[in-house]
PDB file of N, CA and C in Angstrom:
ATOM      1  N   MET A   1      -6.655 -14.298   8.543  1.00  0.00           N
ATOM      2  CA  MET A   1      -6.885 -14.914   7.406  1.00  0.00           C
ATOM      3  C   MET A   1      -6.314 -14.403   5.845  1.00  0.00           C
ATOM      4  N   PHE A   2      -5.700 -15.208   5.128  1.00  0.00           N
ATOM      5  CA  PHE A   2      -5.014 -15.048   3.876  1.00  0.00           C
ATOM      6  C   PHE A   2      -5.940 -14.515   2.773  1.00  0.00           C
ATOM      7  N   GLN A   3      -6.050 -12.944   2.350  1.00  0.00           N
ATOM      8  CA  GLN A   3      -6.805 -12.527   1.463  1.00  0.00           C
ATOM      9  C   GLN A   3      -6.125 -12.202   0.138  1.00  0.00           C
ATOM     10  N   ARG A   4      -6.544 -12.994  -0.939  1.00  0.00           N
ATOM     11  CA  ARG A   4      -5.853 -12.349  -2.282  1.00  0.00           C
ATOM     12  C   ARG A   4      -6.081 -11.303  -3.037  1.00  0.00           C
ATOM     13  N   LEU A   5      -5.029 -10.919  -3.265  1.00  0.00           N
ATOM     14  CA  LEU A   5      -4.907  -9.394  -4.011  1.00  0.00           C
ATOM     15  C   LEU A   5      -4.793  -9.334  -5.526  1.00  0.00           C
ATOM     16  N   LEU A   6      -3.428 -10.300  -6.123  1.00  0.00           N
ATOM     17  CA  LEU A   6      -3.135 -10.232  -7.184  1.00  0.00           C
ATOM     18  C   LEU A   6      -1.797 -11.454  -7.491  1.00  0.00           C
ATOM     19  N   ARG A   7      -1.943 -11.680  -8.519  1.00  0.00           N
ATOM     20  CA  ARG A   7      -0.944 -12.808  -8.830  1.00  0.00           C
ATOM     21  C   ARG A   7       0.465 -12.103  -9.067  1.00  0.00           C
ATOM     22  N   LEU A   8       1.456 -12.950  -8.749  1.00  0.00           N
ATOM     23  CA  LEU A   8       2.955 -12.687  -8.803  1.00  0.00           C
ATOM     24  C   LEU A   8       3.030 -12.280  -9.968  1.00  0.00           C
ATOM     25  N   ASP A   9       2.764 -12.449 -11.269  1.00  0.00           N
ATOM     26  CA  ASP A   9       3.204 -12.119 -12.453  1.00  0.00           C
ATOM     27  C   ASP A   9       2.562 -10.667 -12.610  1.00  0.00           C
ATOM     28  N   GLN A  10       1.806 -10.496 -12.251  1.00  0.00           N
ATOM     29  CA  GLN A  10       1.262  -8.816 -12.485  1.00  0.00           C
ATOM     30  C   GLN A  10       1.947  -7.637 -11.601  1.00  0.00           C
ATOM     31  N   LEU A  11       3.137  -7.898 -10.792  1.00  0.00           N
ATOM     32  CA  LEU A  11       3.874  -6.973 -10.077  1.00  0.00           C
ATOM     33  C   LEU A  11       4.780  -6.439 -10.740  1.00  0.00           C
ATOM     34  N   HIS A  12       5.253  -5.028 -10.617  1.00  0.00           N
ATOM     35  CA  HIS A  12       6.050  -4.537 -11.473  1.00  0.00           C
ATOM     36  C   HIS A  12       6.356  -3.259 -10.600  1.00  0.00           C
ATOM     37  N   ASP A  13       7.778  -2.835 -10.620  1.00  0.00           N
ATOM     38  CA  ASP A  13       7.999  -1.656  -9.943  1.00  0.00           C
ATOM     39  C   ASP A  13       7.042  -0.051 -10.379  1.00  0.00           C
ATOM     40  N   GLY A  14       6.733   0.581  -9.384  1.00  0.00           N
ATOM     41  CA  GLY A  14       5.888   1.558  -9.691  1.00  0.00           C
ATOM     42  C   GLY A  14       4.700   1.452  -9.438  1.00  0.00           C
ATOM     43  N   LEU A  15       4.086   0.041  -9.177  1.00  0.00           N
ATOM     44  CA  LEU A  15       2.840  -0.251  -9.085  1.00  0.00           C
ATOM     45  C   LEU A  15       1.921   0.256  -8.030  1.00  0.00           C
ATOM     46  N   ARG A  16       0.971   0.868  -8.132  1.00  0.00           N
ATOM     47  CA  ARG A  16       0.025   1.256  -7.189  1.00  0.00           C
ATOM     48  C   ARG A  16      -1.195   0.653  -7.418  1.00  0.00           C
ATOM     49  N   ALA A  17      -1.923   0.021  -6.181  1.00  0.00           N
ATOM     50  CA  ALA A  17      -3.079  -0.759  -6.357  1.00  0.00           C
ATOM     51  C   ALA A  17      -4.086  -0.565  -5.555  1.00  0.00           C
ATOM     52  N   ARG A  18      -5.097  -0.311  -5.640  1.00  0.00           N
ATOM     53  CA  ARG A  18      -5.938  -0.169  -4.587  1.00  0.00           C
ATOM     54  C   ARG A  18      -6.832  -1.097  -4.068  1.00  0.00           C
ATOM     55  N   PHE A  19      -7.652  -1.662  -3.002  1.00  0.00           N
ATOM     56  CA  PHE A  19      -8.201  -3.243  -2.775  1.00  0.00           C
ATOM     57  C   PHE A  19      -9.251  -2.404  -1.742  1.00  0.00           C
ATOM     58  N   ARG A  20     -10.742  -3.313  -1.696  1.00  0.00           N
ATOM     59  CA  ARG A  20     -11.004  -2.953  -0.826  1.00  0.00           C
ATOM     60  C   ARG A  20     -11.532  -4.062  -0.095  1.00  0.00           C
ATOM     61  N   LEU A  21     -11.268  -4.937   0.785  1.00  0.00           N
ATOM     62  CA  LEU A  21     -11.495  -5.847   1.860  1.00  0.00           C
ATOM     63  C   LEU A  21     -12.290  -5.731   2.904  1.00  0.00           C
ATOM     64  N   GLY A  22     -13.861  -5.588   2.978  1.00  0.00           N
ATOM     65  CA  GLY A  22     -14.338  -5.298   4.145  1.00  0.00           C
ATOM     66  C   GLY A  22     -14.478  -3.934   4.470  1.00  0.00           C
ATOM     67  N   ARG A  23     -14.054  -3.362   5.488  1.00  0.00           N
ATOM     68  CA  ARG A  23     -14.138  -2.422   5.927  1.00  0.00           C
ATOM     69  C   ARG A  23     -12.948  -1.801   5.572  1.00  0.00           C
ATOM     70  N   HIS A  24     -11.713  -2.144   5.407  1.00  0.00           N
ATOM     71  CA  HIS A  24     -10.509  -2.424   4.972  1.00  0.00           C
ATOM     72  C   HIS A  24     -10.447  -1.667   3.301  1.00  0.00           C
ATOM     73  N   GLU A  25      -9.467  -0.428   3.563  1.00  0.00           N
ATOM     74  CA  GLU A  25      -9.118   0.190   2.397  1.00  0.00           C
ATOM     75  C   GLU A  25      -7.805  -0.039   2.065  1.00  0.00           C
ATOM     76  N   LEU A  26      -6.986  -0.938   1.220  1.00  0.00           N
ATOM     77  CA  LEU A  26      -5.833  -1.156   0.965  1.00  0.00           C
ATOM     78  C   LEU A  26      -5.166  -0.321   0.038  1.00  0.00           C
ATOM     79  N   LEU A  27      -3.984  -0.107  -0.073  1.00  0.00           N
ATOM     80  CA  LEU A  27      -2.845   0.366  -1.230  1.00  0.00           C
ATOM     81  C   LEU A  27      -1.730  -0.532  -1.165  1.00  0.00           C
ATOM     82  N   LEU A  28      -1.643  -0.927  -2.182  1.00  0.00           N
ATOM     83  CA  LEU A  28      -0.525  -2.114  -2.619  1.00  0.00           C
ATOM     84  C   LEU A  28       0.324  -1.271  -3.492  1.00  0.00           C
ATOM     85  N   VAL A  29       1.817  -1.145  -2.849  1.00  0.00           N
ATOM     86  CA  VAL A  29       2.826  -0.163  -3.669  1.00  0.00           C
ATOM     87  C   VAL A  29       3.789  -1.208  -3.931  1.00  0.00           C
ATOM     88  N   CYS A  30       4.666  -0.877  -4.842  1.00  0.00           N
ATOM     89  CA  CYS A  30       5.983  -1.893  -5.163  1.00  0.00           C
ATOM     90  C   CYS A  30       6.940  -1.154  -5.610  1.00  0.00           C
ATOM     91  N   VAL A  31       7.963  -1.289  -5.224  1.00  0.00           N
ATOM     92  CA  VAL A  31       9.130  -0.361  -4.992  1.00  0.00           C
ATOM     93  C   VAL A  31      10.237  -1.493  -5.455  1.00  0.00           C
ATOM     94  N   GLY A  32      10.859  -1.608  -6.834  1.00  0.00           N
ATOM     95  CA  GLY A  32      11.720  -2.776  -7.123  1.00  0.00           C
ATOM     96  C   GLY A  32      11.021  -4.303  -7.083  1.00  0.00           C
ATOM     97  N   THR A  33      11.521  -4.701  -6.346  1.00  0.00           N
ATOM     98  CA  THR A  33      10.980  -6.007  -5.798  1.00  0.00           C
ATOM     99  C   THR A  33      10.360  -6.078  -4.764  1.00  0.00           C
ATOM    100  N   GLU A  34      10.276  -4.747  -3.920  1.00  0.00           N
ATOM    101  CA  GLU A  34       9.652  -4.696  -2.295  1.00  0.00           C
ATOM    102  C   GLU A  34       8.598  -4.181  -2.568  1.00  0.00           C
ATOM    103  N   VAL A  35       7.076  -5.119  -1.883  1.00  0.00           N
ATOM    104  CA  VAL A  35       5.919  -4.904  -1.806  1.00  0.00           C
ATOM    105  C   VAL A  35       5.280  -4.421  -0.574  1.00  0.00           C
ATOM    106  N   PHE A  36       4.606  -3.328  -0.416  1.00  0.00           N
ATOM    107  CA  PHE A  36       4.320  -2.750   0.784  1.00  0.00           C
ATOM    108  C   PHE A  36       2.792  -2.632   0.780  1.00  0.00           C
ATOM    109  N   ILE A  37       2.301  -3.220   1.344  1.00  0.00           N
ATOM    110  CA  ILE A  37       0.416  -3.069   1.791  1.00  0.00           C
ATOM    111  C   ILE A  37      -0.193  -2.066   2.836  1.00  0.00           C
ATOM    112  N   LEU A  38      -0.442  -0.851   2.855  1.00  0.00           N
ATOM    113  CA  LEU A  38      -0.860   0.277   3.635  1.00  0.00           C
ATOM    114  C   LEU A  38      -2.056   0.888   3.356  1.00  0.00           C
ATOM    115  N   ASP A  39      -2.708   1.511   4.237  1.00  0.00           N
ATOM    116  CA  ASP A  39      -3.807   2.072   4.078  1.00  0.00           C
ATOM    117  C   ASP A  39      -3.956   3.053   3.405  1.00  0.00           C
ATOM    118  N   ALA A  40      -4.989   2.692   2.534  1.00  0.00           N
ATOM    119  CA  ALA A  40      -5.351   3.656   1.461  1.00  0.00           C
ATOM    120  C   ALA A  40      -5.543   4.755   1.603  1.00  0.00           C
ATOM    121  N   ARG A  41      -5.898   5.490   2.557  1.00  0.00           N
ATOM    122  CA  ARG A  41      -6.218   6.779   3.356  1.00  0.00           C
ATOM    123  C   ARG A  41      -5.148   7.535   3.869  1.00  0.00           C
ATOM    124  N   CYS A  42      -4.854   8.724   3.645  1.00  0.00           N
ATOM    125  CA  CYS A  42      -3.834   9.662   4.432  1.00  0.00           C
ATOM    126  C   CYS A  42      -4.378   9.615   5.792  1.00  0.00           C
ATOM    127  N   PRO A  43      -3.730   9.550   7.150  1.00  0.00           N
ATOM    128  CA  PRO A  43      -3.958   9.284   8.370  1.00  0.00           C
ATOM    129  C   PRO A  43      -4.373  11.019   8.846  1.00  0.00           C
ATOM    130  N   HIS A  44      -3.700  11.542   8.072  1.00  0.00           N
ATOM    131  CA  HIS A  44      -3.943  13.284   8.776  1.00  0.00           C
ATOM    132  C   HIS A  44      -4.581  13.870   7.849  1.00  0.00           C
ATOM    133  N   ALA A  45      -5.080  13.853   6.674  1.00  0.00           N
ATOM    134  CA  ALA A  45      -6.437  14.399   5.836  1.00  0.00           C
ATOM    135  C   ALA A  45      -7.456  13.315   4.972  1.00  0.00           C
ATOM    136  N   GLY A  46      -7.308  12.090   5.183  1.00  0.00           N
ATOM    137  CA  GLY A  46      -8.037  11.057   4.822  1.00  0.00           C
ATOM    138  C   GLY A  46      -7.958  11.178   3.458  1.00  0.00           C
ATOM    139  N   ALA A  47      -7.151  11.687   2.720  1.00  0.00           N
ATOM    140  CA  ALA A  47      -7.329  11.624   1.049  1.00  0.00           C
ATOM    141  C   ALA A  47      -6.599  10.279   0.924  1.00  0.00           C
ATOM    142  N   ASP A  48      -7.043  10.064  -0.274  1.00  0.00           N
ATOM    143  CA  ASP A  48      -7.001   8.989  -1.332  1.00  0.00           C
ATOM    144  C   ASP A  48      -6.008   8.876  -1.465  1.00  0.00           C
ATOM    145  N   LEU A  49      -4.554   7.911  -0.954  1.00  0.00           N
ATOM    146  CA  LEU A  49      -3.253   7.923  -0.980  1.00  0.00           C
ATOM    147  C   LEU A  49      -2.892   7.420  -2.567  1.00  0.00           C
ATOM    148  N   GLY A  50      -3.999   6.386  -3.015  1.00  0.00           N
ATOM    149  CA  GLY A  50      -3.651   5.588  -4.040  1.00  0.00           C
ATOM    150  C   GLY A  50      -3.557   7.135  -5.577  1.00  0.00           C
ATOM    151  N   ARG A  51      -4.209   7.864  -5.077  1.00  0.00           N
ATOM    152  CA  ARG A  51      -3.948   9.133  -6.173  1.00  0.00           C
ATOM    153  C   ARG A  51      -2.826  10.137  -6.229  1.00  0.00           C
ATOM    154  N   GLY A  52      -1.856   9.584  -4.740  1.00  0.00           N
ATOM    155  CA  GLY A  52      -0.812  10.585  -4.834  1.00  0.00           C
ATOM    156  C   GLY A  52       0.229  10.006  -5.571  1.00  0.00           C
ATOM    157  N   SER A  53       1.407  10.710  -5.448  1.00  0.00           N
ATOM    158  CA  SER A  53       2.619  10.640  -6.514  1.00  0.00           C
ATOM    159  C   SER A  53       3.631   9.882  -5.751  1.00  0.00           C
ATOM    160  N   LEU A  54       4.405   9.287  -6.417  1.00  0.00           N
ATOM    161  CA  LEU A  54       5.214   7.674  -5.978  1.00  0.00           C
ATOM    162  C   LEU A  54       6.549   8.261  -6.606  1.00  0.00           C
ATOM    163  N   SER A  55       7.960   8.313  -5.679  1.00  0.00           N
ATOM    164  CA  SER A  55       8.425   8.562  -5.961  1.00  0.00           C
ATOM    165  C   SER A  55       9.630   7.735  -5.533  1.00  0.00           C
ATOM    166  N   GLY A  56      10.540   6.734  -5.695  1.00  0.00           N
ATOM    167  CA  GLY A  56      11.230   5.874  -4.992  1.00  0.00           C
ATOM    168  C   GLY A  56      10.192   5.484  -3.848  1.00  0.00           C
ATOM    169  N   TYR A  57      10.503   5.741  -2.737  1.00  0.00           N
ATOM    170  CA  TYR A  57      10.032   4.868  -1.406  1.00  0.00           C
ATOM    171  C   TYR A  57       9.219   6.214  -0.903  1.00  0.00           C
ATOM    172  N   GLN A  58       8.937   7.311  -1.520  1.00  0.00           N
ATOM    173  CA  GLN A  58       8.079   8.204  -1.260  1.00  0.00           C
ATOM    174  C   GLN A  58       6.804   8.362  -1.830  1.00  0.00           C
ATOM    175  N   LEU A  59       6.016   8.730  -0.815  1.00  0.00           N
ATOM    176  CA  LEU A  59       4.255   8.430  -1.281  1.00  0.00           C
ATOM    177  C   LEU A  59       3.765   9.869  -1.279  1.00  0.00           C
ATOM    178  N   ARG A  60       3.482  10.786  -1.847  1.00  0.00           N
ATOM    179  CA  ARG A  60       2.488  12.018  -1.625  1.00  0.00           C
ATOM    180  C   ARG A  60       1.131  12.251  -1.454  1.00  0.00           C
ATOM    181  N   CYS A  61       0.973  12.591  -0.448  1.00  0.00           N
ATOM    182  CA  CYS A  61      -0.300  12.833  -0.305  1.00  0.00           C
ATOM    183  C   CYS A  61      -1.045  13.629  -1.490  1.00  0.00           C
ATOM    184  N   PRO A  62      -2.146  13.094  -2.016  1.00  0.00           N
ATOM    185  CA  PRO A  62      -2.980  14.200  -2.888  1.00  0.00           C
ATOM    186  C   PRO A  62      -3.810  15.292  -2.222  1.00  0.00           C
ATOM    187  N   GLY A  63      -3.617  15.150  -0.958  1.00  0.00           N
ATOM    188  CA  GLY A  63      -4.756  16.031  -0.059  1.00  0.00           C
ATOM    189  C   GLY A  63      -4.350  17.485   0.397  1.00  0.00           C
ATOM    190  N   HIS A  64      -2.842  16.943   1.384  1.00  0.00           N
ATOM    191  CA  HIS A  64      -2.208  17.920   1.697  1.00  0.00           C
ATOM    192  C   HIS A  64      -0.285  17.862   1.524  1.00  0.00           C
ATOM    193  N   GLY A  65      -0.076  17.028   1.127  1.00  0.00           N
ATOM    194  CA  GLY A  65       1.198  17.331   0.031  1.00  0.00           C
ATOM    195  C   GLY A  65       2.285  16.445   0.961  1.00  0.00           C
ATOM    196  N   GLN A  66       2.124  16.070   2.266  1.00  0.00           N
ATOM    197  CA  GLN A  66       2.923  15.405   3.064  1.00  0.00           C
ATOM    198  C   GLN A  66       3.441  14.101   2.233  1.00  0.00           C
ATOM    199  N   THR A  67       4.555  13.996   2.594  1.00  0.00           N
ATOM    200  CA  THR A  67       5.239  12.937   2.098  1.00  0.00           C
ATOM    201  C   THR A  67       5.305  12.011   2.965  1.00  0.00           C
ATOM    202  N   PHE A  68       5.074  10.584   2.833  1.00  0.00           N
ATOM    203  CA  PHE A  68       5.084   9.159   3.631  1.00  0.00           C
ATOM    204  C   PHE A  68       6.386   8.061   2.889  1.00  0.00           C
ATOM    205  N   ASP A  69       7.019   7.834   3.949  1.00  0.00           N
ATOM    206  CA  ASP A  69       8.191   6.849   3.485  1.00  0.00           C
ATOM    207  C   ASP A  69       7.600   5.511   3.591  1.00  0.00           C
ATOM    208  N   VAL A  70       6.754   4.897   2.423  1.00  0.00           N
ATOM    209  CA  VAL A  70       6.230   3.354   2.755  1.00  0.00           C
ATOM    210  C   VAL A  70       6.937   2.416   3.558  1.00  0.00           C
ATOM    211  N   ARG A  71       8.181   2.623   3.255  1.00  0.00           N
ATOM    212  CA  ARG A  71       9.251   1.412   4.417  1.00  0.00           C
ATOM    213  C   ARG A  71       8.714   2.134   6.071  1.00  0.00           C
ATOM    214  N   ALA A  72       7.927   3.239   6.364  1.00  0.00           N
ATOM    215  CA  ALA A  72       8.002   3.611   7.855  1.00  0.00           C
ATOM    216  C   ALA A  72       6.772   3.406   7.929  1.00  0.00           C
ATOM    217  N   ALA A  73       5.453   2.816   6.960  1.00  0.00           N
ATOM    218  CA  ALA A  73       4.476   2.854   7.036  1.00  0.00           C
ATOM    219  C   ALA A  73       4.281   1.890   8.456  1.00  0.00           C
ATOM    220  N   GLY A  74       3.251   2.362   9.359  1.00  0.00           N
ATOM    221  CA  GLY A  74       2.850   1.866  10.569  1.00  0.00           C
ATOM    222  C   GLY A  74       3.496   2.099  11.793  1.00  0.00           C
ATOM    223  N   ARG A  75       4.331   3.279  11.783  1.00  0.00           N
ATOM    224  CA  ARG A  75       4.840   4.266  12.676  1.00  0.00           C
ATOM    225  C   ARG A  75       3.864   5.166  12.893  1.00  0.00           C
ATOM    226  N   ALA A  76       4.198   5.834  13.891  1.00  0.00           N
ATOM    227  CA  ALA A  76       3.101   6.993  14.267  1.00  0.00           C
ATOM    228  C   ALA A  76       3.717   7.937  13.262  1.00  0.00           C
ATOM    229  N   GLY A  77       2.108   8.657  12.852  1.00  0.00           N
ATOM    230  CA  GLY A  77       2.058   9.791  11.954  1.00  0.00           C
ATOM    231  C   GLY A  77       2.013   9.214  10.499  1.00  0.00           C
ATOM    232  N   GLN A  78       2.020   7.418  10.418  1.00  0.00           N
ATOM    233  CA  GLN A  78       2.446   7.085   9.073  1.00  0.00           C
ATOM    234  C   GLN A  78       0.845   6.297   9.376  1.00  0.00           C
ATOM    235  N   PRO A  79       0.673   6.033   7.419  1.00  0.00           N
ATOM    236  CA  PRO A  79      -0.406   4.925   7.489  1.00  0.00           C
ATOM    237  C   PRO A  79      -0.177   3.825   7.694  1.00  0.00           C
ATOM    238  N   ALA A  80      -1.222   3.125   8.384  1.00  0.00           N
ATOM    239  CA  ALA A  80      -0.981   1.721   8.982  1.00  0.00           C
ATOM    240  C   ALA A  80      -0.485   1.013   7.740  1.00  0.00           C
ATOM    241  N   ARG A  81      -0.009  -0.316   8.558  1.00  0.00           N
ATOM    242  CA  ARG A  81       0.905  -1.098   7.296  1.00  0.00           C
ATOM    243  C   ARG A  81       0.534  -2.596   7.720  1.00  0.00           C
ATOM    244  N   TYR A  82      -0.309  -3.363   6.238  1.00  0.00           N
ATOM    245  CA  TYR A  82      -0.303  -4.978   6.777  1.00  0.00           C
ATOM    246  C   TYR A  82       0.774  -5.973   6.222  1.00  0.00           C
ATOM    247  N   PRO A  83       0.445  -7.277   6.563  1.00  0.00           N
ATOM    248  CA  PRO A  83       1.387  -8.142   6.256  1.00  0.00           C
ATOM    249  C   PRO A  83       1.312  -8.332   5.155  1.00  0.00           C
ATOM    250  N   VAL A  84       2.223  -8.062   4.160  1.00  0.00           N
ATOM    251  CA  VAL A  84       2.532  -8.896   2.606  1.00  0.00           C
ATOM    252  C   VAL A  84       2.813 -10.509   3.273  1.00  0.00           C
ATOM    253  N   ALA A  85       1.375 -11.343   2.122  1.00  0.00           N
ATOM    254  CA  ALA A  85       1.575 -13.018   2.315  1.00  0.00           C
ATOM    255  C   ALA A  85       1.886 -13.392   0.863  1.00  0.00           C
ATOM    256  N   TYR A  86       2.218 -14.601   0.963  1.00  0.00           N
ATOM    257  CA  TYR A  86       2.256 -15.292  -0.261  1.00  0.00           C
ATOM    258  C   TYR A  86       1.374 -16.688  -0.458  1.00  0.00           C
ATOM    259  N   ASP A  87       1.320 -17.343  -1.297  1.00  0.00           N
ATOM    260  CA  ASP A  87       0.461 -18.387  -1.347  1.00  0.00           C
ATOM    261  C   ASP A  87       0.423 -18.812  -3.028  1.00  0.00           C
ATOM    262  N   GLY A  88       1.303 -19.512  -2.846  1.00  0.00           N
ATOM    263  CA  GLY A  88       1.669 -20.007  -4.379  1.00  0.00           C
ATOM    264  C   GLY A  88       1.858 -19.057  -5.430  1.00  0.00           C
ATOM    265  N   GLN A  89       1.002 -18.947  -6.507  1.00  0.00           N
ATOM    266  CA  GLN A  89       1.122 -17.782  -7.431  1.00  0.00           C
ATOM    267  C   GLN A  89       0.907 -16.167  -7.045  1.00  0.00           C
ATOM    268  N   TRP A  90       0.032 -16.442  -5.632  1.00  0.00           N
ATOM    269  CA  TRP A  90      -0.779 -15.060  -5.104  1.00  0.00           C
ATOM    270  C   TRP A  90       0.137 -14.337  -4.119  1.00  0.00           C
ATOM    271  N   LEU A  91      -0.196 -12.959  -4.170  1.00  0.00           N
ATOM    272  CA  LEU A  91       0.173 -11.984  -3.540  1.00  0.00           C
ATOM    273  C   LEU A  91      -0.994 -11.813  -2.879  1.00  0.00           C
ATOM    274  N   GLY A  92      -0.984 -11.323  -1.302  1.00  0.00           N
ATOM    275  CA  GLY A  92      -1.983 -11.363  -0.348  1.00  0.00           C
ATOM    276  C   GLY A  92      -1.584 -10.175   0.717  1.00  0.00           C
ATOM    277  N   VAL A  93      -2.662 -10.361   1.496  1.00  0.00           N
ATOM    278  CA  VAL A  93      -2.603  -9.978   2.932  1.00  0.00           C
ATOM    279  C   VAL A  93      -2.938 -10.267   3.932  1.00  0.00           C
ATOM    280  N   GLU A  94      -2.629 -10.677   5.163  1.00  0.00           N
ATOM    281  CA  GLU A  94      -3.145 -11.307   6.119  1.00  0.00           C
ATOM    282  C   GLU A  94      -4.482 -10.277   6.902  1.00  0.00           C
ATOM    283  N   LEU A  95      -5.191 -10.501   6.984  1.00  0.00           N
ATOM    284  CA  LEU A  95      -5.903  -9.885   8.004  1.00  0.00           C
ATOM    285  C   LEU A  95      -6.791 -10.511   8.752  1.00  0.00           C
TER     286      LEU A  95
END
């Protein structure tokens, strides 16, 4: 089911935004014109990745310092990744 997160005109390079949808805690990351939606919690330490630093595609966990490549989200040892979806002027996620 499509869940609206934000309007397309709100996107910008370096954007990190957290969303809670039911039991899901999501982190939206925008790098250049690419958008990634992943679990907002570190899969190892449970820290809030929204508080981590972002350098290019590299997101550093504020809890234990491990760096995750947001392009690799969804692979073993990485935060889960969710499909980005669009509906008119809205960007969202399919849950």
